[in-house]
């Protein structure tokens, strides 16, 4: 008989009268009513009982990656996905910190926020480096990630000029240019699930 286990990457987050189910490995996301989750939760520690009690829920959790076969190595899948992403997507990713300054004053923040922003010498070096990368034809494009402080404080002084410059270099070269990372989620919304457990 086939054995199963819960994924290590499951998160169950209460939200009002529902529970959000999220599996970080598969990207699956859905919600269940809290009353249904309360009935389901004890069965998650004994998957044989779950199969016996409610095969449709078990199948749904298996298809969405919340339950996996007991011999399935999730770490190996993470390694495989990492290697696949790195080797199949030669997009150069550059994280830029235009400033340490921040205007939010979050109560939990422990960082110092000295005034000032990236000097033009550094900006010029970034422009030169990205031009060399583009000319090398090793990459399918450039992805700029902005970090800080609050990087948008110096949008006009750093973000816009660098983005415009790199965009103009890439424009006629049939390359990709992003100014932010893209995140993919598979969303499965279950507004109501009336199957009795």
Foldseek 3Di string as FASTA:
>chain_A
DFAKAFDPQWDWDDDPQKTWIAGPLLLEIEIAGNVQCVVCVVCNVPVVVVCVPPVVVSVVCDVSRRMDTPPDDSVVVVVVVVVCCVVVAQEAEEEDEFAQAADPPDVPDDDDGDDDTDDVVVLVVVLVVLLVVVVVVRHQYYEYHYDHRVRVVCCVPHVVVSLVSRCVSCVPVNGDYHDHDDDDHDYDYDPYDPDDD
